[in-house]
Amino acid sequence: MATTTSPFLITTVGPKTNVTLSNEMVFNDDTLVSVIAYCCLFVVAAAGNLTVFITLFRNRGFRSRVNTFIMHLAIADLIVAFIMLPLETIWHVTVSWDAGDFMCRVMMFWRAFGFYLSSFILMTISLDRYYSIVHPLSIFDTPRRARIMLAIAWLMSIAASLPQSVIFHVEHHPLYPWFTQCVTFNFFPSPLHELAYSLFNVIAVYVLPLVVITTVYILILFKVFRNAHRVKGDETPNLRSFQRSIHGSSAIIDKAKIRTLKMTLVIVGAFVVCWTPYFVMAAYWWFDKEAAKKINPKVQRGLFLFAVSNACIDPVVYGMFTTTFRREAKKWTDMFKSKLTGIGVSSRNTPQRPNEVFI
């Protein structure tokens, strides 16, 4: 939870009257802005990912591997929406941690779990696309391989999140014992140990997925480019032939796989765009803390909010590539409007088109 470093002091009112606290220890205009932002993110992330989850669940008869992966990604985003975002909202309102040591440890586990699961699911999606396009002859192993990769993603997420419940604990303010906070303070024997754990978090949730995803998609695009050249025979590989392959002109890689590849590329791109600024700022803080302290705390909070907004983008990307999702979203919107206006909206379930079933 980001805090301000302003030396400005104000006086609280209520049971702790005449106690002077720093600006970061009380609810102020900056935290109010953060609360509003978190509430907006919650509404968008919850509505979007619930629609994705319901859409895939209602059409489970057409479920494919990619749809299964997207459903698990929606679950990860729902954990962020219904656990992490309300937690941050309430924490900003109360400022101090008032839920006790046990809930501090439990909630810090879940606070990290959603992010880890989202990152690892993105890795599994990328690996699945790699096997589907680069090694299509291994298709008979795909259902079992998909289940194994998803199980590994969940287990890795649990293992990476468990240290949070050990490291985080409740500490009392040295000057104001009644002010408690859920922090890592006094756990690590030295700043070097704390830096090592912070680097582990960055590598697990960002660097490792980024390296795997980048490598996999480079191999996929190389395969697409090579297939385009093979189809054209003596044509010299160039940008135009590469673009044609991406748009599905390749006779070897069908349009369904290309369309799915585009969707997963956009989802991964959104992950990179949203999280990179935050981790760059985090690295700056760890390696040059004195210089990083000079940066406005509003920038730090803004970058974290931008990173969390990734949970809102995934449903939008899925909706761009899936008409079933748009029909489901329209249905829910019409139902909501009918509740407000009192006018019933008739709807019927329409079958999913064959080309909407991802491979």
Protein backbone atom coordinates (compact mmCIF):
# COMPACT_ATOMS: atom_id res chain seq x y z
CA MET A 1 0.00 0.00 0.00
CA ALA A 2 1.58 3.25 -1.12
CA THR A 3 2.01 5.99 1.45
CA THR A 4 2.94 9.62 1.17
CA THR A 5 6.20 11.05 2.44
CA SER A 6 4.99 14.54 3.12
CA PRO A 7 6.27 16.00 6.41
CA PHE A 8 3.01 17.93 6.80
CA LEU A 9 1.32 17.10 10.09
CA ILE A 10 -2.38 17.31 10.89
CA THR A 11 -4.45 16.67 14.01
CA THR A 12 -7.01 13.88 14.19
CA VAL A 13 -10.41 14.17 15.77
CA GLY A 14 -12.44 11.65 17.77
CA PRO A 15 -11.13 9.28 20.43
CA LYS A 16 -7.50 10.17 19.76
CA THR A 17 -7.93 13.95 19.98
CA ASN A 18 -4.81 16.09 20.30
CA VAL A 19 -2.65 13.37 18.75
CA THR A 20 -0.55 14.67 15.90
CA LEU A 21 -0.10 12.27 12.99
CA SER A 22 1.72 12.49 9.70
CA ASN A 23 -0.34 12.88 6.58
CA GLU A 24 0.28 9.27 5.53
CA MET A 25 -1.34 7.97 8.72
CA VAL A 26 -4.76 9.55 8.13
CA PHE A 27 -7.43 9.55 5.45
CA ASN A 28 -6.83 12.50 3.11
CA ASP A 29 -7.64 13.76 -0.37
CA ASP A 30 -5.02 11.52 -2.00
CA THR A 31 -6.42 8.38 -0.40
CA LEU A 32 -9.93 9.49 -1.39
CA VAL A 33 -8.85 9.59 -5.03
CA SER A 34 -7.34 6.11 -4.65
CA VAL A 35 -10.57 4.79 -3.09
CA ILE A 36 -12.63 6.16 -6.00
CA ALA A 37 -10.19 4.65 -8.51
CA TYR A 38 -10.28 1.23 -6.82
CA CYS A 39 -14.08 1.29 -6.74
CA CYS A 40 -14.21 2.04 -10.47
CA LEU A 41 -11.73 -0.75 -11.21
CA PHE A 42 -13.80 -3.13 -9.11
CA VAL A 43 -17.00 -2.41 -11.04
CA VAL A 44 -15.34 -2.82 -14.43
CA ALA A 45 -13.24 -5.89 -13.52
CA ALA A 46 -16.10 -7.66 -11.73
CA ALA A 47 -18.66 -7.02 -14.48
CA GLY A 48 -16.30 -7.92 -17.34
CA ASN A 49 -14.81 -11.07 -15.85
CA LEU A 50 -18.12 -12.34 -14.50
CA THR A 51 -19.54 -11.99 -18.01
CA VAL A 52 -16.59 -13.91 -19.46
CA PHE A 53 -16.92 -16.65 -16.84
CA ILE A 54 -20.70 -16.97 -17.29
CA THR A 55 -20.37 -16.94 -21.07
CA LEU A 56 -17.84 -19.78 -21.07
CA PHE A 57 -19.78 -21.73 -18.44
CA ARG A 58 -23.06 -21.45 -20.36
CA ASN A 59 -21.32 -22.54 -23.56
CA ARG A 60 -19.29 -25.30 -21.91
CA GLY A 61 -20.57 -27.75 -24.54
CA PHE A 62 -18.34 -25.86 -27.02
CA ARG A 63 -15.43 -25.62 -24.62
CA SER A 64 -11.99 -25.79 -26.20
CA ARG A 65 -8.53 -25.65 -24.69
CA VAL A 66 -8.20 -21.92 -25.21
CA ASN A 67 -11.64 -21.29 -23.72
CA THR A 68 -10.62 -23.35 -20.70
CA PHE A 69 -7.47 -21.27 -20.30
CA ILE A 70 -9.48 -18.05 -20.67
CA MET A 71 -11.90 -19.26 -17.99
CA HIS A 72 -9.01 -19.82 -15.58
CA LEU A 73 -7.63 -16.40 -16.49
CA ALA A 74 -11.06 -14.92 -15.69
CA ILE A 75 -10.98 -16.71 -12.31
CA ALA A 76 -7.58 -15.14 -11.58
CA ASP A 77 -8.94 -11.72 -12.52
CA LEU A 78 -12.04 -12.32 -10.37
CA ILE A 79 -9.77 -13.03 -7.40
CA VAL A 80 -8.16 -9.67 -8.01
CA ALA A 81 -11.58 -8.04 -8.41
CA PHE A 82 -13.34 -9.54 -5.39
CA ILE A 83 -10.45 -9.88 -2.94
CA MET A 84 -7.57 -7.57 -3.80
CA LEU A 85 -9.57 -4.50 -4.91
CA PRO A 86 -11.99 -4.49 -1.93
CA LEU A 87 -9.03 -5.10 0.38
CA GLU A 88 -7.15 -2.10 -1.02
CA THR A 89 -10.30 0.04 -0.88
CA ILE A 90 -11.05 -0.73 2.78
CA TRP A 91 -7.37 -0.45 3.69
CA HIS A 92 -7.19 3.03 2.17
CA VAL A 93 -10.32 4.05 4.08
CA THR A 94 -9.12 2.78 7.47
CA VAL A 95 -5.46 3.67 6.72
CA SER A 96 -4.32 1.48 9.62
CA TRP A 97 -4.76 -2.31 9.62
CA ASP A 98 -7.63 -3.15 11.98
CA ALA A 99 -8.32 -6.79 11.08
CA GLY A 100 -5.68 -8.45 13.27
CA ASP A 101 -2.58 -10.52 12.58
CA PHE A 102 -4.34 -13.65 11.28
CA MET A 103 -6.33 -11.79 8.62
CA CYS A 104 -3.20 -9.83 7.74
CA ARG A 105 -1.45 -13.07 6.81
CA VAL A 106 -4.47 -14.59 5.05
CA MET A 107 -5.30 -11.51 3.00
CA MET A 108 -1.69 -10.95 1.96
CA PHE A 109 -1.68 -14.47 0.55
CA TRP A 110 -4.79 -13.80 -1.54
CA ARG A 111 -3.57 -10.32 -2.46
CA ALA A 112 -0.59 -11.89 -4.22
CA PHE A 113 -2.28 -15.09 -5.41
CA GLY A 114 -4.47 -13.44 -8.04
CA PHE A 115 -1.49 -11.72 -9.67
CA TYR A 116 0.65 -14.87 -9.67
CA LEU A 117 -2.16 -16.98 -11.09
CA SER A 118 -2.84 -14.48 -13.86
CA SER A 119 0.84 -14.42 -14.87
CA PHE A 120 1.23 -18.20 -14.83
CA ILE A 121 -2.02 -18.74 -16.76
CA LEU A 122 -0.70 -16.38 -19.44
CA MET A 123 2.40 -18.57 -19.65
CA THR A 124 0.29 -21.69 -20.10
CA ILE A 125 -1.78 -19.99 -22.82
CA SER A 126 1.39 -19.05 -24.68
CA LEU A 127 2.84 -22.55 -24.35
CA ASP A 128 -0.42 -24.06 -25.56
CA ARG A 129 -0.34 -21.80 -28.65
CA TYR A 130 3.26 -22.87 -29.23
CA TYR A 131 2.41 -26.58 -29.25
CA SER A 132 -0.73 -26.00 -31.31
CA ILE A 133 1.05 -24.08 -34.09
CA VAL A 134 4.68 -25.19 -33.98
CA HIS A 135 4.04 -28.86 -33.10
CA PRO A 136 0.50 -29.53 -34.40
CA LEU A 137 1.15 -33.28 -34.81
CA SER A 138 1.17 -33.66 -31.03
CA ILE A 139 -2.52 -32.75 -30.92
CA PHE A 140 -3.50 -36.10 -29.38
CA ASP A 141 -1.67 -35.17 -26.18
CA THR A 142 -3.20 -31.73 -25.87
CA PRO A 143 -6.12 -32.32 -23.41
CA ARG A 144 -3.87 -34.04 -20.89
CA ARG A 145 -1.07 -31.51 -21.44
CA ALA A 146 -3.49 -28.61 -20.91
CA ARG A 147 -4.71 -30.07 -17.61
CA ILE A 148 -1.14 -30.63 -16.43
CA MET A 149 -0.09 -27.07 -17.34
CA LEU A 150 -3.11 -25.59 -15.55
CA ALA A 151 -2.43 -27.71 -12.45
CA ILE A 152 1.21 -26.58 -12.45
CA ALA A 153 0.12 -22.93 -12.82
CA TRP A 154 -2.17 -23.20 -9.78
CA LEU A 155 0.43 -25.03 -7.69
CA MET A 156 3.17 -22.52 -8.62
CA SER A 157 0.84 -19.66 -7.71
CA ILE A 158 0.11 -21.16 -4.30
CA ALA A 159 3.81 -21.84 -3.64
CA ALA A 160 4.83 -18.31 -4.66
CA SER A 161 2.08 -16.70 -2.56
CA LEU A 162 2.59 -18.68 0.64
CA PRO A 163 5.66 -16.66 1.78
CA GLN A 164 3.39 -13.62 1.94
CA SER A 165 1.47 -15.18 4.82
CA VAL A 166 4.73 -15.72 6.71
CA ILE A 167 6.49 -12.45 5.98
CA PHE A 168 3.57 -10.06 6.50
CA HIS A 169 2.44 -9.47 10.06
CA VAL A 170 0.94 -6.77 12.23
CA GLU A 171 3.28 -4.17 13.72
CA HIS A 172 2.47 -1.35 16.15
CA HIS A 173 3.70 2.16 15.52
CA PRO A 174 6.63 2.87 17.89
CA LEU A 175 5.19 6.27 18.93
CA TYR A 176 1.47 5.47 18.67
CA PRO A 177 0.93 1.85 19.83
CA TRP A 178 -2.77 2.02 18.91
CA PHE A 179 -1.83 2.49 15.23
CA THR A 180 -1.27 -0.94 13.67
CA GLN A 181 -0.19 -1.83 10.15
CA CYS A 182 0.19 -5.04 8.11
CA VAL A 183 3.82 -4.86 6.97
CA THR A 184 7.05 -6.82 6.41
CA PHE A 185 8.93 -4.58 8.87
CA ASN A 186 11.24 -6.40 11.34
CA PHE A 187 10.99 -9.71 9.48
CA PHE A 188 14.07 -9.64 7.28
CA PRO A 189 17.45 -9.80 9.07
CA SER A 190 18.98 -7.29 6.64
CA PRO A 191 18.03 -5.01 3.71
CA LEU A 192 19.80 -7.46 1.39
CA HIS A 193 17.42 -10.25 2.39
CA GLU A 194 14.44 -7.98 1.76
CA LEU A 195 15.83 -7.02 -1.65
CA ALA A 196 16.31 -10.71 -2.52
CA TYR A 197 12.67 -11.45 -1.69
CA SER A 198 11.49 -8.43 -3.68
CA LEU A 199 13.52 -9.61 -6.67
CA PHE A 200 12.01 -13.08 -6.31
CA ASN A 201 8.54 -11.55 -6.53
CA VAL A 202 9.43 -9.54 -9.63
CA ILE A 203 11.04 -12.52 -11.34
CA ALA A 204 8.13 -14.86 -10.52
CA VAL A 205 5.25 -12.58 -11.41
CA TYR A 206 6.79 -10.61 -14.28
CA VAL A 207 10.28 -11.47 -15.55
CA LEU A 208 9.85 -15.25 -15.86
CA PRO A 209 6.44 -15.02 -17.60
CA LEU A 210 7.78 -12.26 -19.86
CA VAL A 211 10.83 -14.31 -20.90
CA VAL A 212 8.79 -17.46 -21.53
CA ILE A 213 6.04 -15.61 -23.39
CA THR A 214 8.47 -13.61 -25.53
CA THR A 215 10.48 -16.70 -26.46
CA VAL A 216 7.37 -18.71 -27.29
CA TYR A 217 5.81 -16.05 -29.50
CA ILE A 218 9.08 -15.43 -31.33
CA LEU A 219 9.12 -19.14 -32.20
CA ILE A 220 5.46 -19.01 -33.22
CA LEU A 221 5.90 -15.98 -35.47
CA PHE A 222 8.99 -17.57 -36.99
CA LYS A 223 6.88 -20.66 -37.78
CA VAL A 224 4.13 -18.50 -39.33
CA PHE A 225 6.66 -16.57 -41.41
CA ARG A 226 8.38 -19.75 -42.59
CA ASN A 227 5.05 -21.32 -43.58
CA ALA A 228 4.13 -18.23 -45.59
CA HIS A 229 7.42 -18.47 -47.48
CA ARG A 230 6.93 -22.20 -48.04
CA VAL A 231 3.45 -21.66 -49.53
CA LYS A 232 4.74 -18.99 -51.93
CA GLY A 233 7.58 -21.21 -53.10
CA ASP A 234 10.28 -19.07 -54.67
CA GLU A 235 8.97 -15.79 -53.29
CA THR A 236 11.55 -13.99 -51.21
CA PRO A 237 10.40 -13.52 -47.59
CA ASN A 238 9.36 -9.94 -46.99
CA LEU A 239 7.09 -7.86 -44.80
CA ARG A 240 4.12 -8.28 -47.13
CA SER A 241 4.28 -12.08 -47.05
CA PHE A 242 4.62 -11.98 -43.28
CA GLN A 243 1.52 -9.77 -42.99
CA ARG A 244 -0.41 -12.12 -45.24
CA SER A 245 0.50 -15.02 -42.97
CA ILE A 246 -0.65 -13.15 -39.90
CA HIS A 247 -3.98 -12.40 -41.57
CA GLY A 248 -4.61 -16.07 -42.24
CA SER A 249 -3.44 -16.50 -45.81
CA SER A 250 -1.25 -19.42 -44.86
CA ALA A 251 -2.64 -22.72 -46.08
CA ILE A 252 -0.84 -24.62 -43.33
CA ILE A 253 -2.03 -22.72 -40.27
CA ASP A 254 -5.81 -22.29 -40.39
CA LYS A 255 -7.71 -19.10 -39.67
CA ALA A 256 -9.04 -20.28 -36.30
CA LYS A 257 -5.52 -20.72 -34.96
CA ILE A 258 -4.42 -17.38 -36.39
CA ARG A 259 -7.41 -15.63 -34.82
CA THR A 260 -6.71 -17.27 -31.47
CA LEU A 261 -3.05 -16.31 -31.80
CA LYS A 262 -4.05 -12.68 -32.35
CA MET A 263 -6.26 -12.72 -29.25
CA THR A 264 -3.61 -14.23 -27.00
CA LEU A 265 -1.01 -11.81 -28.36
CA VAL A 266 -3.21 -8.85 -27.44
CA ILE A 267 -3.87 -10.28 -23.95
CA VAL A 268 -0.15 -10.78 -23.37
CA GLY A 269 0.60 -7.33 -24.79
CA ALA A 270 -1.87 -5.78 -22.35
CA PHE A 271 -0.14 -7.59 -19.48
CA VAL A 272 3.26 -6.22 -20.53
CA VAL A 273 1.99 -2.66 -21.08
CA CYS A 274 0.15 -2.52 -17.75
CA TRP A 275 2.81 -4.05 -15.51
CA THR A 276 6.08 -2.82 -17.02
CA PRO A 277 5.90 0.81 -15.73
CA TYR A 278 5.14 -0.39 -12.20
CA PHE A 279 8.03 -2.85 -12.07
CA VAL A 280 10.41 -0.30 -13.57
CA MET A 281 9.41 2.06 -10.77
CA ALA A 282 9.82 -0.74 -8.21
CA ALA A 283 13.31 -1.56 -9.48
CA TYR A 284 14.22 2.12 -9.29
CA TRP A 285 13.05 2.19 -5.67
CA TRP A 286 15.04 -0.91 -4.69
CA PHE A 287 18.32 0.10 -6.26
CA ASP A 288 18.26 3.87 -5.67
CA LYS A 289 15.84 4.49 -2.84
CA GLU A 290 17.01 8.02 -2.08
CA ALA A 291 16.40 9.15 -5.65
CA ALA A 292 13.09 7.30 -5.86
CA LYS A 293 11.83 9.07 -2.73
CA LYS A 294 11.92 12.34 -4.68
CA ILE A 295 9.27 11.05 -7.08
CA ASN A 296 5.75 12.18 -6.26
CA PRO A 297 3.93 9.38 -4.37
CA LYS A 298 0.93 10.02 -6.61
CA VAL A 299 2.99 8.65 -9.50
CA GLN A 300 3.70 5.46 -7.55
CA ARG A 301 0.03 4.97 -6.71
CA GLY A 302 -0.96 5.75 -10.29
CA LEU A 303 1.43 3.15 -11.71
CA PHE A 304 0.08 0.48 -9.35
CA LEU A 305 -3.51 1.34 -10.30
CA PHE A 306 -2.53 1.12 -13.96
CA ALA A 307 -0.98 -2.32 -13.34
CA VAL A 308 -4.09 -3.57 -11.54
CA SER A 309 -6.24 -2.32 -14.42
CA ASN A 310 -4.94 -5.30 -16.39
CA ALA A 311 -7.71 -7.32 -14.75
CA CYS A 312 -10.21 -5.03 -16.53
CA ILE A 313 -8.62 -5.34 -19.97
CA ASP A 314 -8.70 -9.13 -20.45
CA PRO A 315 -12.53 -9.31 -20.80
CA VAL A 316 -12.44 -6.45 -23.32
CA VAL A 317 -9.86 -8.28 -25.42
CA TYR A 318 -11.85 -11.52 -25.24
CA GLY A 319 -14.97 -9.62 -26.32
CA MET A 320 -13.15 -8.15 -29.32
CA PHE A 321 -12.55 -11.63 -30.71
CA THR A 322 -15.70 -13.47 -29.58
CA THR A 323 -19.25 -12.67 -30.70
CA THR A 324 -20.64 -15.05 -28.06
CA PHE A 325 -19.21 -12.80 -25.36
CA ARG A 326 -20.77 -9.72 -26.97
CA ARG A 327 -24.16 -11.42 -27.15
CA GLU A 328 -23.89 -12.46 -23.49
CA ALA A 329 -22.81 -8.96 -22.46
CA LYS A 330 -25.74 -7.44 -24.37
CA LYS A 331 -28.11 -9.89 -22.73
CA TRP A 332 -26.93 -8.93 -19.25
CA THR A 333 -27.08 -5.24 -20.16
CA ASP A 334 -30.66 -5.64 -21.40
CA MET A 335 -31.60 -7.51 -18.23
CA PHE A 336 -30.13 -4.72 -16.12
CA LYS A 337 -32.02 -2.10 -18.13
CA SER A 338 -35.24 -4.06 -17.77
CA LYS A 339 -34.80 -4.09 -13.98
CA LEU A 340 -34.43 -0.33 -14.02
CA THR A 341 -37.29 0.40 -16.41
CA GLY A 342 -39.60 -2.46 -15.41
CA ILE A 343 -39.91 -3.51 -19.05
CA GLY A 344 -39.19 -7.14 -19.79
CA VAL A 345 -36.59 -7.99 -22.41
CA SER A 346 -37.05 -11.20 -24.34
CA SER A 347 -33.96 -13.20 -25.09
CA ARG A 348 -33.13 -16.54 -26.51
CA ASN A 349 -30.06 -18.67 -26.42
CA THR A 350 -28.41 -18.74 -29.82
CA PRO A 351 -25.98 -21.52 -30.70
CA GLN A 352 -22.32 -20.69 -30.92
CA ARG A 353 -20.95 -20.40 -34.43
CA PRO A 354 -18.43 -23.07 -35.39
CA ASN A 355 -15.67 -20.51 -36.03
CA GLU A 356 -16.08 -19.18 -32.48
CA VAL A 357 -14.72 -22.41 -31.02
CA PHE A 358 -11.03 -21.80 -30.53
CA ILE A 359 -8.57 -24.60 -31.19
